Amino acid sequence: MRTRERILRAAAEVFDESGFSGGSISRIVRRSGTTMGAMYHHFSSKEDLARAVMAEQDADLDFPPGEDGLQRLLDMSMEVARQLRTNVLFRAGVRLAVEQGDFGMRESAPYELWIKRFTEQLVAAERRGELLPGVDVEDFARALVGAYSGTQLLSEISTGRADLLERIATMWRYLLPGVASPEAISWLRIEAAPEGPQP
């Protein structure tokens, strides 16, 4: 398992740097300090390795504590933005999810993971009376994942995600009035956790 983890982490670094097309198996093996035999013992192909990185993209994520609901959803979304700037495994998984058409995959699981997490927070928000009447929580969770994905991609292309936190905050300022009750909006905070050093 330790060898598999080393290969997976090395693959994340290489895919993060060069994408799927630019990341060769030999480069991943060298980066991991293992052997080609070890690589093929754990992963049948580069596509299999990319699929594993996408599947485990959230393995290192640790969200700040808080009561489930809209504020926690906001906090999670800002923490995801921060992690996209600092967490190589997460960043590589997101990049591969965006690029997967380039290597013949059509895998929605990475997006469904976030739809499920956001839906859980919206269900809690609905129970707490924080949503406007008529909001379909799963429908909004899907729209939110789409908006978030596009926002982070535009930030990556424009500034290397240097402005991602600000862009996510702006996204929420426009989305919240469409789903949150006026009472909830009056006390909700859109802010990021303090950031550590950038990679």
N, C-alpha and C. Protein backbone atom coordinates (compact mmCIF):
# COMPACT_ATOMS: atom_id res chain seq x y z
N MET A 1 0.82 -1.21 0.00
CA MET A 1 0.00 0.00 0.00
C MET A 1 0.86 1.26 0.00
N ARG A 2 2.00 1.20 0.70
CA ARG A 2 2.88 2.38 0.71
C ARG A 2 3.43 2.65 -0.70
N THR A 3 3.76 1.57 -1.42
CA THR A 3 4.26 1.73 -2.78
C THR A 3 3.18 2.33 -3.68
N ARG A 4 1.96 1.82 -3.55
CA ARG A 4 0.85 2.37 -4.33
C ARG A 4 0.67 3.85 -4.05
N GLU A 5 0.75 4.22 -2.77
CA GLU A 5 0.58 5.62 -2.39
C GLU A 5 1.68 6.49 -2.98
N ARG A 6 2.91 5.99 -2.98
CA ARG A 6 4.02 6.76 -3.56
C ARG A 6 3.81 6.98 -5.06
N ILE A 7 3.36 5.95 -5.73
CA ILE A 7 3.11 6.08 -7.17
C ILE A 7 1.95 7.05 -7.42
N LEU A 8 0.89 6.94 -6.64
CA LEU A 8 -0.26 7.82 -6.79
C LEU A 8 0.12 9.28 -6.57
N ARG A 9 0.91 9.53 -5.52
CA ARG A 9 1.33 10.91 -5.22
C ARG A 9 2.23 11.45 -6.32
N ALA A 10 3.14 10.60 -6.82
CA ALA A 10 4.03 11.03 -7.90
C ALA A 10 3.21 11.34 -9.16
N ALA A 11 2.23 10.49 -9.44
CA ALA A 11 1.37 10.72 -10.59
C ALA A 11 0.62 12.04 -10.45
N ALA A 12 0.12 12.33 -9.25
CA ALA A 12 -0.59 13.59 -9.02
C ALA A 12 0.33 14.77 -9.32
N GLU A 13 1.57 14.71 -8.86
CA GLU A 13 2.51 15.80 -9.12
C GLU A 13 2.75 15.98 -10.61
N VAL A 14 2.96 14.86 -11.31
CA VAL A 14 3.25 14.93 -12.74
C VAL A 14 2.03 15.40 -13.53
N PHE A 15 0.86 14.85 -13.22
CA PHE A 15 -0.35 15.27 -13.92
C PHE A 15 -0.69 16.74 -13.62
N ASP A 16 -0.43 17.17 -12.40
CA ASP A 16 -0.67 18.57 -12.05
C ASP A 16 0.24 19.48 -12.87
N GLU A 17 1.47 19.07 -13.04
CA GLU A 17 2.43 19.89 -13.78
C GLU A 17 2.17 19.87 -15.29
N SER A 18 1.83 18.68 -15.84
CA SER A 18 1.86 18.51 -17.29
C SER A 18 0.56 18.01 -17.90
N GLY A 19 -0.44 17.72 -17.08
CA GLY A 19 -1.66 17.15 -17.61
C GLY A 19 -1.47 15.69 -17.98
N PHE A 20 -2.56 15.07 -18.44
CA PHE A 20 -2.49 13.66 -18.78
C PHE A 20 -1.56 13.42 -19.96
N SER A 21 -1.73 14.20 -21.02
CA SER A 21 -0.95 13.97 -22.23
C SER A 21 0.55 14.18 -22.01
N GLY A 22 0.90 15.16 -21.19
CA GLY A 22 2.32 15.46 -20.97
C GLY A 22 2.97 14.64 -19.86
N GLY A 23 2.20 13.84 -19.15
CA GLY A 23 2.74 13.08 -18.02
C GLY A 23 2.99 11.64 -18.41
N SER A 24 4.25 11.26 -18.61
CA SER A 24 4.57 9.90 -19.04
C SER A 24 4.69 8.96 -17.84
N ILE A 25 4.45 7.67 -18.11
CA ILE A 25 4.60 6.65 -17.08
C ILE A 25 6.03 6.62 -16.56
N SER A 26 7.01 6.73 -17.46
CA SER A 26 8.41 6.67 -17.01
C SER A 26 8.74 7.83 -16.08
N ARG A 27 8.19 8.99 -16.37
CA ARG A 27 8.43 10.16 -15.49
C ARG A 27 7.78 9.94 -14.13
N ILE A 28 6.59 9.36 -14.11
CA ILE A 28 5.89 9.08 -12.85
C ILE A 28 6.68 8.06 -12.03
N VAL A 29 7.17 7.02 -12.69
CA VAL A 29 7.95 5.99 -11.99
C VAL A 29 9.23 6.59 -11.40
N ARG A 30 9.92 7.42 -12.19
CA ARG A 30 11.14 8.08 -11.67
C ARG A 30 10.80 8.95 -10.47
N ARG A 31 9.73 9.72 -10.58
CA ARG A 31 9.34 10.63 -9.49
C ARG A 31 8.99 9.84 -8.23
N SER A 32 8.40 8.67 -8.39
CA SER A 32 7.98 7.87 -7.23
C SER A 32 9.14 7.11 -6.58
N GLY A 33 10.24 6.95 -7.33
CA GLY A 33 11.37 6.20 -6.80
C GLY A 33 11.09 4.71 -6.74
N THR A 34 10.16 4.23 -7.57
CA THR A 34 9.83 2.81 -7.60
C THR A 34 10.29 2.22 -8.94
N THR A 35 9.65 1.16 -9.38
CA THR A 35 10.01 0.50 -10.63
C THR A 35 8.80 0.40 -11.53
N MET A 36 9.06 0.14 -12.81
CA MET A 36 7.97 -0.06 -13.76
C MET A 36 7.12 -1.27 -13.35
N GLY A 37 7.77 -2.30 -12.83
CA GLY A 37 7.04 -3.48 -12.38
C GLY A 37 6.08 -3.15 -11.24
N ALA A 38 6.55 -2.31 -10.30
CA ALA A 38 5.69 -1.90 -9.18
C ALA A 38 4.51 -1.09 -9.70
N MET A 39 4.80 -0.23 -10.66
CA MET A 39 3.73 0.59 -11.24
C MET A 39 2.63 -0.30 -11.83
N TYR A 40 3.03 -1.27 -12.65
CA TYR A 40 2.03 -2.11 -13.32
C TYR A 40 1.43 -3.17 -12.38
N HIS A 41 2.04 -3.39 -11.26
CA HIS A 41 1.42 -4.25 -10.25
C HIS A 41 0.18 -3.58 -9.66
N HIS A 42 0.27 -2.26 -9.49
CA HIS A 42 -0.83 -1.52 -8.85
C HIS A 42 -1.79 -0.88 -9.85
N PHE A 43 -1.30 -0.50 -11.02
CA PHE A 43 -2.12 0.21 -12.01
C PHE A 43 -1.89 -0.42 -13.38
N SER A 44 -2.96 -0.72 -14.08
CA SER A 44 -2.84 -1.44 -15.35
C SER A 44 -2.41 -0.55 -16.51
N SER A 45 -2.57 0.77 -16.37
CA SER A 45 -2.26 1.68 -17.48
C SER A 45 -2.20 3.11 -16.93
N LYS A 46 -1.79 4.03 -17.79
CA LYS A 46 -1.80 5.44 -17.40
C LYS A 46 -3.23 5.92 -17.16
N GLU A 47 -4.17 5.41 -17.97
CA GLU A 47 -5.58 5.77 -17.78
C GLU A 47 -6.07 5.30 -16.41
N ASP A 48 -5.68 4.10 -16.01
CA ASP A 48 -6.07 3.56 -14.71
C ASP A 48 -5.50 4.42 -13.59
N LEU A 49 -4.27 4.86 -13.76
CA LEU A 49 -3.63 5.72 -12.77
C LEU A 49 -4.34 7.08 -12.69
N ALA A 50 -4.69 7.64 -13.84
CA ALA A 50 -5.42 8.90 -13.86
C ALA A 50 -6.77 8.76 -13.19
N ARG A 51 -7.44 7.64 -13.44
CA ARG A 51 -8.75 7.39 -12.81
C ARG A 51 -8.60 7.33 -11.28
N ALA A 52 -7.51 6.71 -10.81
CA ALA A 52 -7.27 6.62 -9.36
C ALA A 52 -7.01 8.00 -8.75
N VAL A 53 -6.26 8.83 -9.45
CA VAL A 53 -6.01 10.20 -8.95
C VAL A 53 -7.32 10.97 -8.87
N MET A 54 -8.15 10.85 -9.89
CA MET A 54 -9.45 11.53 -9.86
C MET A 54 -10.31 11.01 -8.70
N ALA A 55 -10.30 9.69 -8.49
CA ALA A 55 -11.14 9.09 -7.46
C ALA A 55 -10.70 9.49 -6.06
N GLU A 56 -9.41 9.72 -5.88
CA GLU A 56 -8.87 10.01 -4.54
C GLU A 56 -8.51 11.48 -4.35
N GLN A 57 -9.03 12.34 -5.22
CA GLN A 57 -8.68 13.75 -5.18
C GLN A 57 -8.99 14.41 -3.84
N ASP A 58 -10.00 13.91 -3.14
CA ASP A 58 -10.40 14.56 -1.89
C ASP A 58 -9.80 13.88 -0.66
N ALA A 59 -8.84 12.96 -0.86
CA ALA A 59 -8.30 12.18 0.27
C ALA A 59 -7.65 13.05 1.34
N ASP A 60 -7.06 14.16 0.94
CA ASP A 60 -6.35 15.02 1.90
C ASP A 60 -7.19 16.19 2.39
N LEU A 61 -8.41 16.32 1.91
CA LEU A 61 -9.21 17.48 2.29
C LEU A 61 -9.71 17.35 3.72
N ASP A 62 -9.58 18.40 4.46
CA ASP A 62 -10.03 18.42 5.85
C ASP A 62 -10.77 19.73 6.07
N PHE A 63 -12.09 19.66 6.08
CA PHE A 63 -12.87 20.88 6.17
C PHE A 63 -12.96 21.39 7.60
N PRO A 64 -13.00 22.71 7.76
CA PRO A 64 -13.14 23.27 9.11
C PRO A 64 -14.46 22.83 9.74
N PRO A 65 -14.49 22.70 11.05
CA PRO A 65 -15.72 22.26 11.72
C PRO A 65 -16.82 23.33 11.63
N GLY A 66 -18.02 22.90 11.85
CA GLY A 66 -19.13 23.83 11.84
C GLY A 66 -20.44 23.08 11.73
N GLU A 67 -21.52 23.77 12.06
CA GLU A 67 -22.85 23.16 11.98
C GLU A 67 -23.31 23.13 10.53
N ASP A 68 -23.86 21.98 10.10
CA ASP A 68 -24.29 21.84 8.72
C ASP A 68 -25.35 22.89 8.38
N GLY A 69 -25.28 23.38 7.16
CA GLY A 69 -26.20 24.39 6.68
C GLY A 69 -25.51 25.31 5.69
N LEU A 70 -26.12 26.46 5.42
CA LEU A 70 -25.59 27.36 4.40
C LEU A 70 -24.21 27.91 4.76
N GLN A 71 -24.00 28.28 6.03
CA GLN A 71 -22.69 28.82 6.39
C GLN A 71 -21.60 27.79 6.19
N ARG A 72 -21.89 26.55 6.56
CA ARG A 72 -20.89 25.49 6.34
C ARG A 72 -20.65 25.27 4.85
N LEU A 73 -21.69 25.35 4.04
CA LEU A 73 -21.51 25.24 2.59
C LEU A 73 -20.60 26.34 2.07
N LEU A 74 -20.83 27.55 2.53
CA LEU A 74 -19.96 28.66 2.12
C LEU A 74 -18.52 28.41 2.56
N ASP A 75 -18.35 27.99 3.81
CA ASP A 75 -17.01 27.74 4.33
C ASP A 75 -16.32 26.62 3.56
N MET A 76 -17.07 25.56 3.25
CA MET A 76 -16.50 24.46 2.47
C MET A 76 -16.06 24.94 1.09
N SER A 77 -16.89 25.73 0.46
CA SER A 77 -16.57 26.18 -0.90
C SER A 77 -15.32 27.06 -0.90
N MET A 78 -15.13 27.86 0.14
CA MET A 78 -13.94 28.69 0.22
C MET A 78 -12.71 27.84 0.55
N GLU A 79 -12.91 26.81 1.37
CA GLU A 79 -11.79 25.92 1.68
C GLU A 79 -11.38 25.12 0.44
N VAL A 80 -12.34 24.70 -0.37
CA VAL A 80 -12.02 24.03 -1.62
C VAL A 80 -11.18 24.94 -2.51
N ALA A 81 -11.54 26.21 -2.57
CA ALA A 81 -10.76 27.17 -3.36
C ALA A 81 -9.34 27.27 -2.83
N ARG A 82 -9.20 27.32 -1.53
CA ARG A 82 -7.86 27.38 -0.94
C ARG A 82 -7.07 26.12 -1.26
N GLN A 83 -7.73 24.96 -1.13
CA GLN A 83 -7.05 23.70 -1.39
C GLN A 83 -6.64 23.56 -2.85
N LEU A 84 -7.40 24.15 -3.75
CA LEU A 84 -7.03 24.11 -5.17
C LEU A 84 -5.72 24.85 -5.42
N ARG A 85 -5.35 25.72 -4.50
CA ARG A 85 -4.08 26.45 -4.65
C ARG A 85 -2.93 25.77 -3.93
N THR A 86 -3.21 24.84 -3.01
CA THR A 86 -2.14 24.29 -2.18
C THR A 86 -2.02 22.78 -2.19
N ASN A 87 -3.07 22.05 -2.58
CA ASN A 87 -3.13 20.60 -2.44
C ASN A 87 -2.93 19.94 -3.81
N VAL A 88 -1.77 19.33 -4.01
CA VAL A 88 -1.41 18.79 -5.32
C VAL A 88 -2.32 17.64 -5.75
N LEU A 89 -2.63 16.71 -4.85
CA LEU A 89 -3.50 15.59 -5.21
C LEU A 89 -4.87 16.09 -5.64
N PHE A 90 -5.43 17.02 -4.90
CA PHE A 90 -6.73 17.58 -5.23
C PHE A 90 -6.68 18.31 -6.56
N ARG A 91 -5.66 19.15 -6.71
CA ARG A 91 -5.52 19.95 -7.93
C ARG A 91 -5.37 19.04 -9.16
N ALA A 92 -4.56 17.97 -9.03
CA ALA A 92 -4.37 17.04 -10.15
C ALA A 92 -5.67 16.33 -10.48
N GLY A 93 -6.42 15.90 -9.46
CA GLY A 93 -7.69 15.24 -9.70
C GLY A 93 -8.67 16.13 -10.43
N VAL A 94 -8.70 17.41 -10.05
CA VAL A 94 -9.59 18.36 -10.71
C VAL A 94 -9.14 18.58 -12.15
N ARG A 95 -7.83 18.73 -12.36
CA ARG A 95 -7.33 18.92 -13.73
C ARG A 95 -7.68 17.74 -14.62
N LEU A 96 -7.49 16.54 -14.10
CA LEU A 96 -7.80 15.34 -14.89
C LEU A 96 -9.29 15.23 -15.17
N ALA A 97 -10.12 15.61 -14.21
CA ALA A 97 -11.57 15.57 -14.43
C ALA A 97 -11.97 16.50 -15.58
N VAL A 98 -11.30 17.65 -15.66
CA VAL A 98 -11.58 18.61 -16.75
C VAL A 98 -11.05 18.07 -18.08
N GLU A 99 -9.87 17.44 -18.05
CA GLU A 99 -9.20 17.00 -19.28
C GLU A 99 -9.59 15.59 -19.72
N GLN A 100 -10.46 14.90 -19.00
CA GLN A 100 -10.64 13.47 -19.22
C GLN A 100 -11.07 13.12 -20.64
N GLY A 101 -11.72 14.02 -21.33
CA GLY A 101 -12.06 13.76 -22.72
C GLY A 101 -10.84 13.55 -23.59
N ASP A 102 -9.72 14.15 -23.20
CA ASP A 102 -8.48 14.00 -23.97
C ASP A 102 -7.94 12.58 -23.93
N PHE A 103 -8.34 11.79 -22.91
CA PHE A 103 -7.84 10.42 -22.86
C PHE A 103 -8.99 9.41 -22.85
N GLY A 104 -10.09 9.78 -23.51
CA GLY A 104 -11.16 8.84 -23.79
C GLY A 104 -12.04 8.47 -22.62
N MET A 105 -12.09 9.31 -21.57
CA MET A 105 -12.95 9.01 -20.43
C MET A 105 -14.12 9.97 -20.39
N ARG A 106 -15.23 9.49 -19.87
CA ARG A 106 -16.41 10.32 -19.60
C ARG A 106 -16.92 9.91 -18.22
N GLU A 107 -16.22 10.33 -17.20
CA GLU A 107 -16.48 9.89 -15.83
C GLU A 107 -17.05 11.06 -15.03
N SER A 108 -18.30 10.91 -14.59
CA SER A 108 -18.94 12.00 -13.85
C SER A 108 -18.73 11.89 -12.34
N ALA A 109 -18.14 10.78 -11.87
CA ALA A 109 -18.01 10.55 -10.43
C ALA A 109 -17.33 11.70 -9.68
N PRO A 110 -16.25 12.32 -10.22
CA PRO A 110 -15.64 13.43 -9.47
C PRO A 110 -16.60 14.59 -9.23
N TYR A 111 -17.49 14.82 -10.19
CA TYR A 111 -18.48 15.90 -10.03
C TYR A 111 -19.62 15.45 -9.12
N GLU A 112 -20.03 14.19 -9.24
CA GLU A 112 -21.11 13.67 -8.39
C GLU A 112 -20.72 13.71 -6.91
N LEU A 113 -19.42 13.51 -6.63
CA LEU A 113 -18.93 13.60 -5.25
C LEU A 113 -19.27 14.96 -4.64
N TRP A 114 -19.02 16.03 -5.41
CA TRP A 114 -19.28 17.38 -4.89
C TRP A 114 -20.76 17.71 -4.89
N ILE A 115 -21.50 17.19 -5.86
CA ILE A 115 -22.95 17.39 -5.84
C ILE A 115 -23.53 16.78 -4.56
N LYS A 116 -23.06 15.58 -4.20
CA LYS A 116 -23.54 14.92 -2.98
C LYS A 116 -23.18 15.74 -1.74
N ARG A 117 -21.93 16.20 -1.65
CA ARG A 117 -21.52 16.98 -0.47
C ARG A 117 -22.29 18.28 -0.36
N PHE A 118 -22.48 18.97 -1.47
CA PHE A 118 -23.20 20.24 -1.42
C PHE A 118 -24.68 19.99 -1.12
N THR A 119 -25.25 18.91 -1.66
CA THR A 119 -26.66 18.59 -1.37
C THR A 119 -26.86 18.36 0.11
N GLU A 120 -25.94 17.66 0.75
CA GLU A 120 -26.05 17.40 2.20
C GLU A 120 -26.15 18.71 2.98
N GLN A 121 -25.34 19.69 2.61
CA GLN A 121 -25.38 20.97 3.31
C GLN A 121 -26.66 21.73 3.01
N LEU A 122 -27.14 21.62 1.78
CA LEU A 122 -28.38 22.31 1.41
C LEU A 122 -29.60 21.68 2.07
N VAL A 123 -29.59 20.36 2.24
CA VAL A 123 -30.68 19.69 2.97
C VAL A 123 -30.71 20.20 4.41
N ALA A 124 -29.53 20.32 5.03
CA ALA A 124 -29.47 20.85 6.39
C ALA A 124 -29.95 22.30 6.43
N ALA A 125 -29.57 23.07 5.42
CA ALA A 125 -30.01 24.47 5.36
C ALA A 125 -31.53 24.56 5.23
N GLU A 126 -32.10 23.66 4.44
CA GLU A 126 -33.55 23.64 4.28
C GLU A 126 -34.23 23.33 5.61
N ARG A 127 -33.70 22.35 6.35
CA ARG A 127 -34.26 22.01 7.66
C ARG A 127 -34.19 23.20 8.62
N ARG A 128 -33.14 23.98 8.49
CA ARG A 128 -32.94 25.14 9.39
C ARG A 128 -33.72 26.38 8.93
N GLY A 129 -34.44 26.28 7.83
CA GLY A 129 -35.22 27.41 7.33
C GLY A 129 -34.38 28.49 6.68
N GLU A 130 -33.21 28.11 6.16
CA GLU A 130 -32.29 29.10 5.58
C GLU A 130 -32.52 29.32 4.09
N LEU A 131 -33.35 28.48 3.47
CA LEU A 131 -33.56 28.58 2.03
C LEU A 131 -34.91 29.22 1.71
N LEU A 132 -34.99 29.82 0.54
CA LEU A 132 -36.26 30.34 0.07
C LEU A 132 -37.20 29.19 -0.26
N PRO A 133 -38.51 29.39 -0.15
CA PRO A 133 -39.47 28.34 -0.53
C PRO A 133 -39.28 27.95 -2.00
N GLY A 134 -39.41 26.66 -2.27
CA GLY A 134 -39.35 26.20 -3.65
C GLY A 134 -37.97 25.87 -4.18
N VAL A 135 -36.92 26.05 -3.37
CA VAL A 135 -35.57 25.71 -3.83
C VAL A 135 -35.44 24.19 -3.87
N ASP A 136 -35.06 23.65 -5.02
CA ASP A 136 -34.78 22.22 -5.16
C ASP A 136 -33.31 22.02 -4.83
N VAL A 137 -33.04 21.39 -3.68
CA VAL A 137 -31.65 21.36 -3.19
C VAL A 137 -30.71 20.59 -4.11
N GLU A 138 -31.17 19.47 -4.67
CA GLU A 138 -30.28 18.71 -5.56
C GLU A 138 -30.07 19.45 -6.87
N ASP A 139 -31.11 20.08 -7.38
CA ASP A 139 -31.00 20.85 -8.61
C ASP A 139 -30.01 22.01 -8.41
N PHE A 140 -30.13 22.69 -7.27
CA PHE A 140 -29.20 23.79 -7.02
C PHE A 140 -27.78 23.28 -6.81
N ALA A 141 -27.62 22.13 -6.14
CA ALA A 141 -26.29 21.57 -5.94
C ALA A 141 -25.61 21.29 -7.28
N ARG A 142 -26.36 20.78 -8.24
CA ARG A 142 -25.80 20.53 -9.57
C ARG A 142 -25.42 21.84 -10.25
N ALA A 143 -26.28 22.83 -10.15
CA ALA A 143 -25.97 24.14 -10.74
C ALA A 143 -24.74 24.75 -10.07
N LEU A 144 -24.63 24.56 -8.75
CA LEU A 144 -23.51 25.11 -8.01
C LEU A 144 -22.20 24.46 -8.43
N VAL A 145 -22.20 23.14 -8.59
CA VAL A 145 -20.97 22.45 -9.04
C VAL A 145 -20.57 22.94 -10.43
N GLY A 146 -21.54 23.14 -11.30
CA GLY A 146 -21.23 23.67 -12.62
C GLY A 146 -20.66 25.07 -12.56
N ALA A 147 -21.28 25.92 -11.76
CA ALA A 147 -20.79 27.30 -11.62
C ALA A 147 -19.40 27.33 -11.00
N TYR A 148 -19.20 26.50 -9.98
CA TYR A 148 -17.91 26.44 -9.29
C TYR A 148 -16.82 25.94 -10.24
N SER A 149 -17.14 24.88 -11.00
CA SER A 149 -16.15 24.31 -11.92
C SER A 149 -15.73 25.34 -12.96
N GLY A 150 -16.70 26.04 -13.52
CA GLY A 150 -16.38 27.07 -14.51
C GLY A 150 -15.59 28.22 -13.91
N THR A 151 -15.95 28.62 -12.70
CA THR A 151 -15.25 29.73 -12.04
C THR A 151 -13.80 29.37 -11.77
N GLN A 152 -13.56 28.14 -11.25
CA GLN A 152 -12.18 27.78 -10.95
C GLN A 152 -11.36 27.61 -12.23
N LEU A 153 -12.00 27.13 -13.31
CA LEU A 153 -11.28 26.96 -14.57
C LEU A 153 -10.90 28.32 -15.16
N LEU A 154 -11.81 29.27 -15.12
CA LEU A 154 -11.50 30.61 -15.62
C LEU A 154 -10.40 31.26 -14.79
N SER A 155 -10.44 31.06 -13.47
CA SER A 155 -9.40 31.61 -12.60
C SER A 155 -8.05 30.97 -12.92
N GLU A 156 -8.04 29.65 -13.15
CA GLU A 156 -6.79 28.95 -13.50
C GLU A 156 -6.20 29.50 -14.79
N ILE A 157 -7.05 29.69 -15.80
CA ILE A 157 -6.58 30.18 -17.09
C ILE A 157 -6.11 31.64 -16.98
N SER A 158 -6.84 32.44 -16.20
CA SER A 158 -6.56 33.87 -16.13
C SER A 158 -5.39 34.23 -15.23
N THR A 159 -5.34 33.60 -14.05
CA THR A 159 -4.35 34.05 -13.05
C THR A 159 -3.63 32.90 -12.35
N GLY A 160 -3.75 31.68 -12.85
CA GLY A 160 -3.17 30.55 -12.12
C GLY A 160 -3.83 30.35 -10.77
N ARG A 161 -5.10 30.69 -10.67
CA ARG A 161 -5.93 30.61 -9.46
C ARG A 161 -5.52 31.61 -8.37
N ALA A 162 -4.72 32.60 -8.70
CA ALA A 162 -4.34 33.60 -7.69
C ALA A 162 -5.55 34.36 -7.17
N ASP A 163 -6.58 34.52 -8.01
CA ASP A 163 -7.77 35.28 -7.60
C ASP A 163 -8.97 34.38 -7.32
N LEU A 164 -8.73 33.09 -7.13
CA LEU A 164 -9.84 32.15 -7.02
C LEU A 164 -10.74 32.44 -5.83
N LEU A 165 -10.17 32.73 -4.67
CA LEU A 165 -11.00 33.01 -3.49
C LEU A 165 -11.93 34.20 -3.75
N GLU A 166 -11.38 35.23 -4.37
CA GLU A 166 -12.20 36.41 -4.67
C GLU A 166 -13.30 36.08 -5.67
N ARG A 167 -12.98 35.26 -6.67
CA ARG A 167 -13.97 34.90 -7.68
C ARG A 167 -15.09 34.04 -7.08
N ILE A 168 -14.73 33.13 -6.17
CA ILE A 168 -15.76 32.30 -5.53
C ILE A 168 -16.66 33.16 -4.64
N ALA A 169 -16.06 34.11 -3.94
CA ALA A 169 -16.86 35.03 -3.12
C ALA A 169 -17.84 35.82 -4.00
N THR A 170 -17.38 36.28 -5.15
CA THR A 170 -18.25 37.01 -6.07
C THR A 170 -19.37 36.12 -6.58
N MET A 171 -19.03 34.86 -6.91
CA MET A 171 -20.05 33.91 -7.36
C MET A 171 -21.16 33.80 -6.33
N TRP A 172 -20.78 33.66 -5.06
CA TRP A 172 -21.77 33.51 -3.99
C TRP A 172 -22.61 34.78 -3.81
N ARG A 173 -21.99 35.93 -3.97
CA ARG A 173 -22.77 37.17 -3.80
C ARG A 173 -23.91 37.26 -4.80
N TYR A 174 -23.73 36.66 -5.98
CA TYR A 174 -24.79 36.65 -6.97
C TYR A 174 -25.75 35.48 -6.80
N LEU A 175 -25.26 34.33 -6.32
CA LEU A 175 -26.11 33.15 -6.19
C LEU A 175 -27.00 33.19 -4.94
N LEU A 176 -26.46 33.67 -3.83
CA LEU A 176 -27.20 33.59 -2.56
C LEU A 176 -28.59 34.22 -2.61
N PRO A 177 -28.76 35.41 -3.21
CA PRO A 177 -30.11 35.98 -3.20
C PRO A 177 -31.16 35.11 -3.89
N GLY A 178 -30.73 34.19 -4.76
CA GLY A 178 -31.67 33.33 -5.45
C GLY A 178 -32.08 32.11 -4.66
N VAL A 179 -31.36 31.79 -3.57
CA VAL A 179 -31.68 30.57 -2.82
C VAL A 179 -31.83 30.79 -1.32
N ALA A 180 -31.18 31.80 -0.77
CA ALA A 180 -31.18 32.00 0.69
C ALA A 180 -32.25 32.98 1.13
N SER A 181 -32.82 32.72 2.29
CA SER A 181 -33.81 33.65 2.84
C SER A 181 -33.13 34.96 3.21
N PRO A 182 -33.87 36.07 3.20
CA PRO A 182 -33.27 37.35 3.60
C PRO A 182 -32.68 37.29 5.00
N GLU A 183 -33.32 36.56 5.91
CA GLU A 183 -32.81 36.44 7.28
C GLU A 183 -31.43 35.76 7.27
N ALA A 184 -31.31 34.69 6.50
CA ALA A 184 -30.03 33.98 6.43
C ALA A 184 -28.95 34.88 5.81
N ILE A 185 -29.30 35.58 4.75
CA ILE A 185 -28.32 36.45 4.09
C ILE A 185 -27.80 37.50 5.06
N SER A 186 -28.64 37.93 5.99
CA SER A 186 -28.23 38.99 6.92
C SER A 186 -27.09 38.57 7.84
N TRP A 187 -26.93 37.25 8.08
CA TRP A 187 -25.85 36.84 8.99
C TRP A 187 -24.80 35.94 8.35
N LEU A 188 -25.02 35.49 7.10
CA LEU A 188 -24.03 34.64 6.44
C LEU A 188 -22.75 35.43 6.15
N ARG A 189 -21.60 34.74 6.28
CA ARG A 189 -20.30 35.36 6.00
C ARG A 189 -19.64 34.60 4.84
N ILE A 190 -19.13 35.36 3.90
CA ILE A 190 -18.38 34.75 2.78
C ILE A 190 -16.92 35.12 2.99
N GLU A 191 -16.17 34.20 3.57
CA GLU A 191 -14.77 34.49 3.82
C GLU A 191 -13.98 33.19 3.81
N ALA A 192 -12.69 33.31 3.55
CA ALA A 192 -11.82 32.14 3.46
C ALA A 192 -11.06 31.94 4.76
N ALA A 193 -10.69 30.67 5.01
CA ALA A 193 -9.78 30.38 6.11
C ALA A 193 -8.42 30.97 5.79
N PRO A 194 -7.61 31.31 6.81
CA PRO A 194 -6.28 31.86 6.54
C PRO A 194 -5.47 30.90 5.68
N GLU A 195 -4.72 31.47 4.75
CA GLU A 195 -3.94 30.67 3.82
C GLU A 195 -2.52 30.48 4.32
N GLY A 196 -1.98 29.32 4.04
CA GLY A 196 -0.57 29.06 4.32
C GLY A 196 0.27 29.49 3.14
N PRO A 197 1.56 29.13 3.15
CA PRO A 197 2.43 29.48 2.04
C PRO A 197 1.97 28.82 0.75
N GLN A 198 2.12 29.50 -0.35
CA GLN A 198 1.74 28.95 -1.66
C GLN A 198 2.81 28.00 -2.15
N PRO A 199 2.40 26.97 -2.92
CA PRO A 199 3.38 26.01 -3.45
C PRO A 199 4.28 26.65 -4.49
